[in-house]
Each structure stands twice: as C-alpha cells, then as structure tokens.
Amino acid sequence: TGGDEAALFVGDCVRMYKMFADKMGWRFEHLSSTESEIGGYKEYVMILSGQDVYRYLRYEGGTHRVQRVPATEAQGRVHTSAITIAVLMEPDEDAEVKVDEKDL
C-alpha cells in the first residue's frame, strides 16, 4: 500500500536482501518482478539458498512499514507505506506436499 513510495521501499528491501545474501555467501536467484514507473518494484520474487537461510530470514515475513518524506512529495509531508514479505521454505524433492482444497 502506498503506491509509488511502496514500490521504492520494495526496491530498498530487495537491495538489502541481496547485499545480506552476498555477505552470508548465499546464492541469489531472481524469479520474477514487476517494475514501477518511477523505480522500485510493485512485486519481486526471489530465491535465496545456502546454509541457514531460513533460520536467519524466517522472522522477516509479514508486513513492513516505512514512514518517510518521499522524493515524490512536494510539500515535505511524511508518508506511510507498507509492503508484505513472504518467506517460504522450499520442500525437499522427496517430500510429499499436500494442498488442502479449502486453501485454494
């Protein structure tokens, strides 16, 4: 929520996770993204793989909020934007994945 400013916040978070992955020696793989018109992303999907990735990132999932005066604001007002981050663990190849019909 927050339109262009939220998209800029997503871009900031993507850069942060990429830099953290590099520091930790993890592999980064970009799956898909939808760029915003002024920069940043409306949506970004990535895979991070390596030792203890889930252990470090499992609490990153959820809603994240930023309050700042964006570059797009002419009168200096503080804007609040929110993004949602989902952290999912990829199942092993031999694991049986069951999807309940009510979850679809």
PDB file of N, CA and C in Angstrom:
ATOM      1  N   THR A   1       0.853  -1.177   0.000  1.00  0.00           N
ATOM      2  CA  THR A   1       0.000   0.000   0.000  1.00  0.00           C
ATOM      3  C   THR A   1       0.889   1.227   0.000  1.00  0.00           C
ATOM      4  N   GLY A   2       0.505   2.218  -0.702  1.00  0.00           N
ATOM      5  CA  GLY A   2       1.304   3.422  -0.735  1.00  0.00           C
ATOM      6  C   GLY A   2       1.771   3.788  -2.121  1.00  0.00           C
ATOM      7  N   GLY A   3       1.415   2.988  -3.107  1.00  0.00           N
ATOM      8  CA  GLY A   3       1.714   3.335  -4.494  1.00  0.00           C
ATOM      9  C   GLY A   3       3.193   3.402  -4.807  1.00  0.00           C
ATOM     10  N   ASP A   4       3.607   4.519  -5.399  1.00  0.00           N
ATOM     11  CA  ASP A   4       4.990   4.670  -5.847  1.00  0.00           C
ATOM     12  C   ASP A   4       5.986   4.570  -4.693  1.00  0.00           C
ATOM     13  N   GLU A   5       5.656   5.158  -3.561  1.00  0.00           N
ATOM     14  CA  GLU A   5       6.575   5.118  -2.423  1.00  0.00           C
ATOM     15  C   GLU A   5       6.759   3.685  -1.914  1.00  0.00           C
ATOM     16  N   ALA A   6       5.692   2.892  -1.918  1.00  0.00           N
ATOM     17  CA  ALA A   6       5.806   1.486  -1.513  1.00  0.00           C
ATOM     18  C   ALA A   6       6.701   0.724  -2.489  1.00  0.00           C
ATOM     19  N   ALA A   7       6.602   1.040  -3.777  1.00  0.00           N
ATOM     20  CA  ALA A   7       7.444   0.389  -4.779  1.00  0.00           C
ATOM     21  C   ALA A   7       8.915   0.731  -4.552  1.00  0.00           C
ATOM     22  N   LEU A   8       9.194   1.978  -4.177  1.00  0.00           N
ATOM     23  CA  LEU A   8      10.570   2.363  -3.860  1.00  0.00           C
ATOM     24  C   LEU A   8      11.073   1.609  -2.630  1.00  0.00           C
ATOM     25  N   PHE A   9      10.203   1.420  -1.639  1.00  0.00           N
ATOM     26  CA  PHE A   9      10.548   0.672  -0.425  1.00  0.00           C
ATOM     27  C   PHE A   9      10.853  -0.786  -0.761  1.00  0.00           C
ATOM     28  N   VAL A  10      10.085  -1.374  -1.672  1.00  0.00           N
ATOM     29  CA  VAL A  10      10.372  -2.748  -2.114  1.00  0.00           C
ATOM     30  C   VAL A  10      11.761  -2.792  -2.745  1.00  0.00           C
ATOM     31  N   GLY A  11      12.083  -1.818  -3.570  1.00  0.00           N
ATOM     32  CA  GLY A  11      13.413  -1.759  -4.181  1.00  0.00           C
ATOM     33  C   GLY A  11      14.515  -1.685  -3.138  1.00  0.00           C
ATOM     34  N   ASP A  12      14.295  -0.879  -2.092  1.00  0.00           N
ATOM     35  CA  ASP A  12      15.267  -0.790  -0.999  1.00  0.00           C
ATOM     36  C   ASP A  12      15.443  -2.142  -0.306  1.00  0.00           C
ATOM     37  N   CYS A  13      14.330  -2.819  -0.061  1.00  0.00           N
ATOM     38  CA  CYS A  13      14.384  -4.115   0.620  1.00  0.00           C
ATOM     39  C   CYS A  13      15.063  -5.176  -0.251  1.00  0.00           C
ATOM     40  N   VAL A  14      14.798  -5.167  -1.546  1.00  0.00           N
ATOM     41  CA  VAL A  14      15.448  -6.120  -2.452  1.00  0.00           C
ATOM     42  C   VAL A  14      16.957  -5.922  -2.412  1.00  0.00           C
ATOM     43  N   ARG A  15      17.399  -4.668  -2.488  1.00  0.00           N
ATOM     44  CA  ARG A  15      18.841  -4.393  -2.413  1.00  0.00           C
ATOM     45  C   ARG A  15      19.416  -4.847  -1.078  1.00  0.00           C
ATOM     46  N   MET A  16      18.683  -4.623   0.007  1.00  0.00           N
ATOM     47  CA  MET A  16      19.142  -5.029   1.330  1.00  0.00           C
ATOM     48  C   MET A  16      19.311  -6.549   1.408  1.00  0.00           C
ATOM     49  N   TYR A  17      18.309  -7.302   0.926  1.00  0.00           N
ATOM     50  CA  TYR A  17      18.400  -8.759   0.977  1.00  0.00           C
ATOM     51  C   TYR A  17      19.499  -9.287   0.058  1.00  0.00           C
ATOM     52  N   LYS A  18      19.702  -8.658  -1.091  1.00  0.00           N
ATOM     53  CA  LYS A  18      20.797  -9.065  -1.985  1.00  0.00           C
ATOM     54  C   LYS A  18      22.147  -8.860  -1.302  1.00  0.00           C
ATOM     55  N   MET A  19      22.339  -7.714  -0.679  1.00  0.00           N
ATOM     56  CA  MET A  19      23.605  -7.428  -0.012  1.00  0.00           C
ATOM     57  C   MET A  19      23.828  -8.363   1.173  1.00  0.00           C
ATOM     58  N   PHE A  20      22.767  -8.660   1.924  1.00  0.00           N
ATOM     59  CA  PHE A  20      22.887  -9.581   3.049  1.00  0.00           C
ATOM     60  C   PHE A  20      23.226 -10.981   2.547  1.00  0.00           C
ATOM     61  N   ALA A  21      22.596 -11.388   1.445  1.00  0.00           N
ATOM     62  CA  ALA A  21      22.883 -12.703   0.858  1.00  0.00           C
ATOM     63  C   ALA A  21      24.343 -12.783   0.425  1.00  0.00           C
ATOM     64  N   ASP A  22      24.856 -11.727  -0.201  1.00  0.00           N
ATOM     65  CA  ASP A  22      26.265 -11.701  -0.602  1.00  0.00           C
ATOM     66  C   ASP A  22      27.178 -11.831   0.615  1.00  0.00           C
ATOM     67  N   LYS A  23      26.867 -11.092   1.658  1.00  0.00           N
ATOM     68  CA  LYS A  23      27.676 -11.121   2.882  1.00  0.00           C
ATOM     69  C   LYS A  23      27.684 -12.515   3.508  1.00  0.00           C
ATOM     70  N   MET A  24      26.548 -13.212   3.446  1.00  0.00           N
ATOM     71  CA  MET A  24      26.421 -14.532   4.064  1.00  0.00           C
ATOM     72  C   MET A  24      26.912 -15.653   3.146  1.00  0.00           C
ATOM     73  N   GLY A  25      27.220 -15.324   1.909  1.00  0.00           N
ATOM     74  CA  GLY A  25      27.678 -16.337   0.961  1.00  0.00           C
ATOM     75  C   GLY A  25      26.551 -17.177   0.380  1.00  0.00           C
ATOM     76  N   TRP A  26      25.342 -16.632   0.367  1.00  0.00           N
ATOM     77  CA  TRP A  26      24.182 -17.339  -0.161  1.00  0.00           C
ATOM     78  C   TRP A  26      24.052 -17.087  -1.654  1.00  0.00           C
ATOM     79  N   ARG A  27      23.310 -17.975  -2.302  1.00  0.00           N
ATOM     80  CA  ARG A  27      23.020 -17.830  -3.725  1.00  0.00           C
ATOM     81  C   ARG A  27      21.711 -17.059  -3.885  1.00  0.00           C
ATOM     82  N   PHE A  28      21.698 -16.086  -4.774  1.00  0.00           N
ATOM     83  CA  PHE A  28      20.525 -15.265  -5.055  1.00  0.00           C
ATOM     84  C   PHE A  28      20.023 -15.603  -6.450  1.00  0.00           C
ATOM     85  N   GLU A  29      18.714 -15.843  -6.561  1.00  0.00           N
ATOM     86  CA  GLU A  29      18.122 -16.118  -7.874  1.00  0.00           C
ATOM     87  C   GLU A  29      16.854 -15.288  -8.037  1.00  0.00           C
ATOM     88  N   HIS A  30      16.824 -14.465  -9.063  1.00  0.00           N
ATOM     89  CA  HIS A  30      15.651 -13.644  -9.368  1.00  0.00           C
ATOM     90  C   HIS A  30      14.661 -14.502 -10.154  1.00  0.00           C
ATOM     91  N   LEU A  31      13.430 -14.613  -9.672  1.00  0.00           N
ATOM     92  CA  LEU A  31      12.408 -15.384 -10.386  1.00  0.00           C
ATOM     93  C   LEU A  31      11.531 -14.504 -11.254  1.00  0.00           C
ATOM     94  N   SER A  32      10.985 -13.441 -10.663  1.00  0.00           N
ATOM     95  CA  SER A  32      10.131 -12.538 -11.431  1.00  0.00           C
ATOM     96  C   SER A  32      10.012 -11.208 -10.706  1.00  0.00           C
ATOM     97  N   SER A  33       9.635 -10.196 -11.449  1.00  0.00           N
ATOM     98  CA  SER A  33       9.404  -8.890 -10.835  1.00  0.00           C
ATOM     99  C   SER A  33       8.555  -8.038 -11.770  1.00  0.00           C
ATOM    100  N   THR A  34       7.896  -7.069 -11.178  1.00  0.00           N
ATOM    101  CA  THR A  34       7.139  -6.075 -11.925  1.00  0.00           C
ATOM    102  C   THR A  34       7.658  -4.718 -11.484  1.00  0.00           C
ATOM    103  N   GLU A  35       8.302  -4.025 -12.408  1.00  0.00           N
ATOM    104  CA  GLU A  35       8.896  -2.730 -12.073  1.00  0.00           C
ATOM    105  C   GLU A  35       7.841  -1.639 -12.014  1.00  0.00           C
ATOM    106  N   SER A  36       8.101  -0.658 -11.165  1.00  0.00           N
ATOM    107  CA  SER A  36       7.225   0.501 -11.065  1.00  0.00           C
ATOM    108  C   SER A  36       7.707   1.559 -12.064  1.00  0.00           C
ATOM    109  N   GLU A  37       6.867   2.516 -12.358  1.00  0.00           N
ATOM    110  CA  GLU A  37       7.199   3.545 -13.346  1.00  0.00           C
ATOM    111  C   GLU A  37       8.304   4.490 -12.888  1.00  0.00           C
ATOM    112  N   ILE A  38       8.416   4.726 -11.571  1.00  0.00           N
ATOM    113  CA  ILE A  38       9.422   5.690 -11.084  1.00  0.00           C
ATOM    114  C   ILE A  38      10.613   5.003 -10.425  1.00  0.00           C
ATOM    115  N   GLY A  39      10.686   3.682 -10.519  1.00  0.00           N
ATOM    116  CA  GLY A  39      11.761   2.931  -9.879  1.00  0.00           C
ATOM    117  C   GLY A  39      11.184   2.017  -8.820  1.00  0.00           C
ATOM    118  N   GLY A  40      11.948   1.067  -8.402  1.00  0.00           N
ATOM    119  CA  GLY A  40      11.455   0.107  -7.431  1.00  0.00           C
ATOM    120  C   GLY A  40      10.607  -0.952  -8.114  1.00  0.00           C
ATOM    121  N   TYR A  41       9.867  -1.681  -7.325  1.00  0.00           N
ATOM    122  CA  TYR A  41       9.095  -2.808  -7.834  1.00  0.00           C
ATOM    123  C   TYR A  41       7.717  -2.856  -7.192  1.00  0.00           C
ATOM    124  N   LYS A  42       6.729  -3.191  -7.987  1.00  0.00           N
ATOM    125  CA  LYS A  42       5.397  -3.457  -7.457  1.00  0.00           C
ATOM    126  C   LYS A  42       5.359  -4.854  -6.849  1.00  0.00           C
ATOM    127  N   GLU A  43       6.178  -5.753  -7.415  1.00  0.00           N
ATOM    128  CA  GLU A  43       6.267  -7.130  -6.927  1.00  0.00           C
ATOM    129  C   GLU A  43       7.649  -7.664  -7.273  1.00  0.00           C
ATOM    130  N   TYR A  44       8.232  -8.454  -6.377  1.00  0.00           N
ATOM    131  CA  TYR A  44       9.547  -9.034  -6.621  1.00  0.00           C
ATOM    132  C   TYR A  44       9.588 -10.411  -5.973  1.00  0.00           C
ATOM    133  N   VAL A  45       9.988 -11.415  -6.743  1.00  0.00           N
ATOM    134  CA  VAL A  45      10.074 -12.791  -6.240  1.00  0.00           C
ATOM    135  C   VAL A  45      11.501 -13.281  -6.437  1.00  0.00           C
ATOM    136  N   MET A  46      12.102 -13.784  -5.355  1.00  0.00           N
ATOM    137  CA  MET A  46      13.483 -14.253  -5.403  1.00  0.00           C
ATOM    138  C   MET A  46      13.635 -15.540  -4.609  1.00  0.00           C
ATOM    139  N   ILE A  47      14.716 -16.251  -4.895  1.00  0.00           N
ATOM    140  CA  ILE A  47      15.089 -17.425  -4.116  1.00  0.00           C
ATOM    141  C   ILE A  47      16.459 -17.152  -3.523  1.00  0.00           C
ATOM    142  N   LEU A  48      16.587 -17.345  -2.223  1.00  0.00           N
ATOM    143  CA  LEU A  48      17.874 -17.298  -1.558  1.00  0.00           C
ATOM    144  C   LEU A  48      18.163 -18.706  -1.074  1.00  0.00           C
ATOM    145  N   SER A  49      19.335 -19.221  -1.403  1.00  0.00           N
ATOM    146  CA  SER A  49      19.672 -20.566  -0.961  1.00  0.00           C
ATOM    147  C   SER A  49      21.080 -20.573  -0.393  1.00  0.00           C
ATOM    148  N   GLY A  50      21.281 -21.426   0.579  1.00  0.00           N
ATOM    149  CA  GLY A  50      22.573 -21.532   1.244  1.00  0.00           C
ATOM    150  C   GLY A  50      22.369 -22.012   2.665  1.00  0.00           C
ATOM    151  N   GLN A  51      23.451 -22.027   3.403  1.00  0.00           N
ATOM    152  CA  GLN A  51      23.406 -22.540   4.769  1.00  0.00           C
ATOM    153  C   GLN A  51      22.644 -21.589   5.693  1.00  0.00           C
ATOM    154  N   ASP A  52      21.661 -22.123   6.382  1.00  0.00           N
ATOM    155  CA  ASP A  52      20.890 -21.402   7.415  1.00  0.00           C
ATOM    156  C   ASP A  52      20.074 -20.212   6.902  1.00  0.00           C
ATOM    157  N   VAL A  53      19.726 -20.194   5.621  1.00  0.00           N
ATOM    158  CA  VAL A  53      18.944 -19.077   5.080  1.00  0.00           C
ATOM    159  C   VAL A  53      17.627 -18.934   5.835  1.00  0.00           C
ATOM    160  N   TYR A  54      16.882 -20.026   5.944  1.00  0.00           N
ATOM    161  CA  TYR A  54      15.574 -19.938   6.607  1.00  0.00           C
ATOM    162  C   TYR A  54      15.723 -19.539   8.075  1.00  0.00           C
ATOM    163  N   ARG A  55      16.759 -20.028   8.725  1.00  0.00           N
ATOM    164  CA  ARG A  55      16.973 -19.705  10.143  1.00  0.00           C
ATOM    165  C   ARG A  55      17.133 -18.194  10.326  1.00  0.00           C
ATOM    166  N   TYR A  56      17.826 -17.540   9.398  1.00  0.00           N
ATOM    167  CA  TYR A  56      18.048 -16.096   9.507  1.00  0.00           C
ATOM    168  C   TYR A  56      16.847 -15.270   9.040  1.00  0.00           C
ATOM    169  N   LEU A  57      16.084 -15.774   8.080  1.00  0.00           N
ATOM    170  CA  LEU A  57      15.054 -14.940   7.452  1.00  0.00           C
ATOM    171  C   LEU A  57      13.619 -15.283   7.836  1.00  0.00           C
ATOM    172  N   ARG A  58      13.412 -16.325   8.620  1.00  0.00           N
ATOM    173  CA  ARG A  58      12.035 -16.755   8.903  1.00  0.00           C
ATOM    174  C   ARG A  58      11.194 -15.686   9.586  1.00  0.00           C
ATOM    175  N   TYR A  59      11.799 -14.801  10.333  1.00  0.00           N
ATOM    176  CA  TYR A  59      11.024 -13.755  11.011  1.00  0.00           C
ATOM    177  C   TYR A  59      10.881 -12.485  10.173  1.00  0.00           C
ATOM    178  N   GLU A  60      11.409 -12.474   8.969  1.00  0.00           N
ATOM    179  CA  GLU A  60      11.268 -11.336   8.067  1.00  0.00           C
ATOM    180  C   GLU A  60       9.893 -11.295   7.407  1.00  0.00           C
ATOM    181  N   GLY A  61       9.212 -12.432   7.392  1.00  0.00           N
ATOM    182  CA  GLY A  61       7.902 -12.492   6.763  1.00  0.00           C
ATOM    183  C   GLY A  61       6.889 -11.648   7.509  1.00  0.00           C
ATOM    184  N   GLY A  62       5.994 -11.031   6.753  1.00  0.00           N
ATOM    185  CA  GLY A  62       4.942 -10.217   7.350  1.00  0.00           C
ATOM    186  C   GLY A  62       4.885  -8.844   6.714  1.00  0.00           C
ATOM    187  N   THR A  63       4.175  -7.953   7.366  1.00  0.00           N
ATOM    188  CA  THR A  63       4.007  -6.591   6.869  1.00  0.00           C
ATOM    189  C   THR A  63       5.110  -5.702   7.418  1.00  0.00           C
ATOM    190  N   HIS A  64       5.721  -4.924   6.536  1.00  0.00           N
ATOM    191  CA  HIS A  64       6.765  -3.982   6.916  1.00  0.00           C
ATOM    192  C   HIS A  64       6.297  -2.583   6.532  1.00  0.00           C
ATOM    193  N   ARG A  65       6.537  -1.636   7.426  1.00  0.00           N
ATOM    194  CA  ARG A  65       6.050  -0.277   7.219  1.00  0.00           C
ATOM    195  C   ARG A  65       7.219   0.696   7.221  1.00  0.00           C
ATOM    196  N   VAL A  66       7.132   1.700   6.369  1.00  0.00           N
ATOM    197  CA  VAL A  66       8.129   2.762   6.344  1.00  0.00           C
ATOM    198  C   VAL A  66       7.402   4.100   6.419  1.00  0.00           C
ATOM    199  N   GLN A  67       7.966   5.015   7.192  1.00  0.00           N
ATOM    200  CA  GLN A  67       7.444   6.371   7.264  1.00  0.00           C
ATOM    201  C   GLN A  67       8.589   7.306   6.915  1.00  0.00           C
ATOM    202  N   ARG A  68       8.418   8.050   5.843  1.00  0.00           N
ATOM    203  CA  ARG A  68       9.456   8.976   5.425  1.00  0.00           C
ATOM    204  C   ARG A  68       8.871  10.013   4.482  1.00  0.00           C
ATOM    205  N   VAL A  69       9.635  11.069   4.285  1.00  0.00           N
ATOM    206  CA  VAL A  69       9.249  12.083   3.307  1.00  0.00           C
ATOM    207  C   VAL A  69       9.818  11.615   1.975  1.00  0.00           C
ATOM    208  N   PRO A  70       8.962  11.161   1.074  1.00  0.00           N
ATOM    209  CA  PRO A  70       9.469  10.614  -0.188  1.00  0.00           C
ATOM    210  C   PRO A  70       9.932  11.704  -1.144  1.00  0.00           C
ATOM    211  N   ALA A  71      10.755  11.292  -2.077  1.00  0.00           N
ATOM    212  CA  ALA A  71      11.231  12.220  -3.105  1.00  0.00           C
ATOM    213  C   ALA A  71      10.076  12.722  -3.963  1.00  0.00           C
ATOM    214  N   THR A  72       8.970  11.981  -3.970  1.00  0.00           N
ATOM    215  CA  THR A  72       7.813  12.365  -4.783  1.00  0.00           C
ATOM    216  C   THR A  72       6.931  13.401  -4.087  1.00  0.00           C
ATOM    217  N   GLU A  73       7.240  13.757  -2.837  1.00  0.00           N
ATOM    218  CA  GLU A  73       6.409  14.683  -2.051  1.00  0.00           C
ATOM    219  C   GLU A  73       6.941  16.108  -2.183  1.00  0.00           C
ATOM    220  N   ALA A  74       6.078  17.012  -2.653  1.00  0.00           N
ATOM    221  CA  ALA A  74       6.498  18.400  -2.888  1.00  0.00           C
ATOM    222  C   ALA A  74       6.422  19.263  -1.631  1.00  0.00           C
ATOM    223  N   GLN A  75       5.548  18.924  -0.666  1.00  0.00           N
ATOM    224  CA  GLN A  75       5.321  19.789   0.491  1.00  0.00           C
ATOM    225  C   GLN A  75       5.977  19.281   1.768  1.00  0.00           C
ATOM    226  N   GLY A  76       6.778  18.230   1.695  1.00  0.00           N
ATOM    227  CA  GLY A  76       7.514  17.762   2.863  1.00  0.00           C
ATOM    228  C   GLY A  76       6.713  16.963   3.862  1.00  0.00           C
ATOM    229  N   ARG A  77       5.568  16.425   3.467  1.00  0.00           N
ATOM    230  CA  ARG A  77       4.744  15.629   4.374  1.00  0.00           C
ATOM    231  C   ARG A  77       5.290  14.201   4.479  1.00  0.00           C
ATOM    232  N   VAL A  78       5.160  13.635   5.667  1.00  0.00           N
ATOM    233  CA  VAL A  78       5.573  12.252   5.895  1.00  0.00           C
ATOM    234  C   VAL A  78       4.511  11.318   5.341  1.00  0.00           C
ATOM    235  N   HIS A  79       4.933  10.324   4.579  1.00  0.00           N
ATOM    236  CA  HIS A  79       4.033   9.321   4.030  1.00  0.00           C
ATOM    237  C   HIS A  79       4.310   7.987   4.700  1.00  0.00           C
ATOM    238  N   THR A  80       3.283   7.192   4.872  1.00  0.00           N
ATOM    239  CA  THR A  80       3.419   5.845   5.403  1.00  0.00           C
ATOM    240  C   THR A  80       3.090   4.863   4.294  1.00  0.00           C
ATOM    241  N   SER A  81       3.987   3.923   4.079  1.00  0.00           N
ATOM    242  CA  SER A  81       3.783   2.881   3.078  1.00  0.00           C
ATOM    243  C   SER A  81       4.051   1.537   3.723  1.00  0.00           C
ATOM    244  N   ALA A  82       3.405   0.520   3.196  1.00  0.00           N
ATOM    245  CA  ALA A  82       3.591  -0.830   3.741  1.00  0.00           C
ATOM    246  C   ALA A  82       3.777  -1.826   2.608  1.00  0.00           C
ATOM    247  N   ILE A  83       4.587  -2.833   2.882  1.00  0.00           N
ATOM    248  CA  ILE A  83       4.791  -3.930   1.940  1.00  0.00           C
ATOM    249  C   ILE A  83       4.636  -5.240   2.704  1.00  0.00           C
ATOM    250  N   THR A  84       4.398  -6.307   1.977  1.00  0.00           N
ATOM    251  CA  THR A  84       4.286  -7.627   2.591  1.00  0.00           C
ATOM    252  C   THR A  84       5.390  -8.514   2.048  1.00  0.00           C
ATOM    253  N   ILE A  85       6.079  -9.178   2.962  1.00  0.00           N
ATOM    254  CA  ILE A  85       7.149 -10.103   2.595  1.00  0.00           C
ATOM    255  C   ILE A  85       6.736 -11.502   3.033  1.00  0.00           C
ATOM    256  N   ALA A  86       6.848 -12.452   2.117  1.00  0.00           N
ATOM    257  CA  ALA A  86       6.556 -13.853   2.419  1.00  0.00           C
ATOM    258  C   ALA A  86       7.872 -14.623   2.374  1.00  0.00           C
ATOM    259  N   VAL A  87       8.158 -15.360   3.438  1.00  0.00           N
ATOM    260  CA  VAL A  87       9.351 -16.202   3.496  1.00  0.00           C
ATOM    261  C   VAL A  87       8.867 -17.641   3.551  1.00  0.00           C
ATOM    262  N   LEU A  88       9.140 -18.380   2.495  1.00  0.00           N
ATOM    263  CA  LEU A  88       8.675 -19.759   2.388  1.00  0.00           C
ATOM    264  C   LEU A  88       9.864 -20.688   2.241  1.00  0.00           C
ATOM    265  N   MET A  89       9.783 -21.821   2.898  1.00  0.00           N
ATOM    266  CA  MET A  89      10.839 -22.810   2.778  1.00  0.00           C
ATOM    267  C   MET A  89      10.477 -23.780   1.666  1.00  0.00           C
ATOM    268  N   GLU A  90      11.417 -24.032   0.755  1.00  0.00           N
ATOM    269  CA  GLU A  90      11.172 -24.951  -0.343  1.00  0.00           C
ATOM    270  C   GLU A  90      11.257 -26.384   0.181  1.00  0.00           C
ATOM    271  N   PRO A  91      10.248 -27.203  -0.104  1.00  0.00           N
ATOM    272  CA  PRO A  91      10.288 -28.582   0.398  1.00  0.00           C
ATOM    273  C   PRO A  91      11.334 -29.417  -0.337  1.00  0.00           C
ATOM    274  N   ASP A  92      11.820 -30.463   0.325  1.00  0.00           N
ATOM    275  CA  ASP A  92      12.744 -31.395  -0.315  1.00  0.00           C
ATOM    276  C   ASP A  92      12.047 -32.071  -1.483  1.00  0.00           C
ATOM    277  N   GLU A  93      12.841 -32.545  -2.434  1.00  0.00           N
ATOM    278  CA  GLU A  93      12.274 -33.193  -3.621  1.00  0.00           C
ATOM    279  C   GLU A  93      11.468 -34.433  -3.270  1.00  0.00           C
ATOM    280  N   ASP A  94      11.864 -35.158  -2.235  1.00  0.00           N
ATOM    281  CA  ASP A  94      11.163 -36.394  -1.874  1.00  0.00           C
ATOM    282  C   ASP A  94      10.016 -36.155  -0.896  1.00  0.00           C
ATOM    283  N   ALA A  95       9.803 -34.918  -0.469  1.00  0.00           N
ATOM    284  CA  ALA A  95       8.728 -34.612   0.471  1.00  0.00           C
ATOM    285  C   ALA A  95       7.381 -34.600  -0.239  1.00  0.00           C
ATOM    286  N   GLU A  96       6.391 -35.133   0.430  1.00  0.00           N
ATOM    287  CA  GLU A  96       5.036 -35.124  -0.118  1.00  0.00           C
ATOM    288  C   GLU A  96       4.339 -33.839   0.323  1.00  0.00           C
ATOM    289  N   VAL A  97       3.880 -33.076  -0.651  1.00  0.00           N
ATOM    290  CA  VAL A  97       3.222 -31.805  -0.361  1.00  0.00           C
ATOM    291  C   VAL A  97       1.728 -31.990  -0.549  1.00  0.00           C
ATOM    292  N   LYS A  98       0.978 -31.722   0.507  1.00  0.00           N
ATOM    293  CA  LYS A  98      -0.473 -31.820   0.441  1.00  0.00           C
ATOM    294  C   LYS A  98      -1.069 -30.425   0.490  1.00  0.00           C
ATOM    295  N   VAL A  99      -1.929 -30.136  -0.467  1.00  0.00           N
ATOM    296  CA  VAL A  99      -2.623 -28.858  -0.509  1.00  0.00           C
ATOM    297  C   VAL A  99      -4.088 -29.112  -0.251  1.00  0.00           C
ATOM    298  N   ASP A 100      -4.586 -28.533   0.837  1.00  0.00           N
ATOM    299  CA  ASP A 100      -5.982 -28.702   1.185  1.00  0.00           C
ATOM    300  C   ASP A 100      -6.847 -27.885   0.219  1.00  0.00           C
ATOM    301  N   GLU A 101      -7.922 -28.445  -0.239  1.00  0.00           N
ATOM    302  CA  GLU A 101      -8.826 -27.793  -1.197  1.00  0.00           C
ATOM    303  C   GLU A 101      -9.304 -26.432  -0.688  1.00  0.00           C
ATOM    304  N   LYS A 102      -9.520 -26.285   0.612  1.00  0.00           N
ATOM    305  CA  LYS A 102     -10.005 -25.009   1.157  1.00  0.00           C
ATOM    306  C   LYS A 102      -8.949 -23.907   1.128  1.00  0.00           C
ATOM    307  N   ASP A 103      -7.665 -24.279   0.921  1.00  0.00           N
ATOM    308  CA  ASP A 103      -6.607 -23.287   0.840  1.00  0.00           C
ATOM    309  C   ASP A 103      -6.440 -22.698  -0.557  1.00  0.00           C
ATOM    310  N   LEU A 104      -7.178 -23.210  -1.510  1.00  0.00           N
ATOM    311  CA  LEU A 104      -7.071 -22.730  -2.895  1.00  0.00           C
ATOM    312  C   LEU A 104      -7.990 -21.552  -3.146  1.00  0.00           C
TER     313      LEU A 104
END
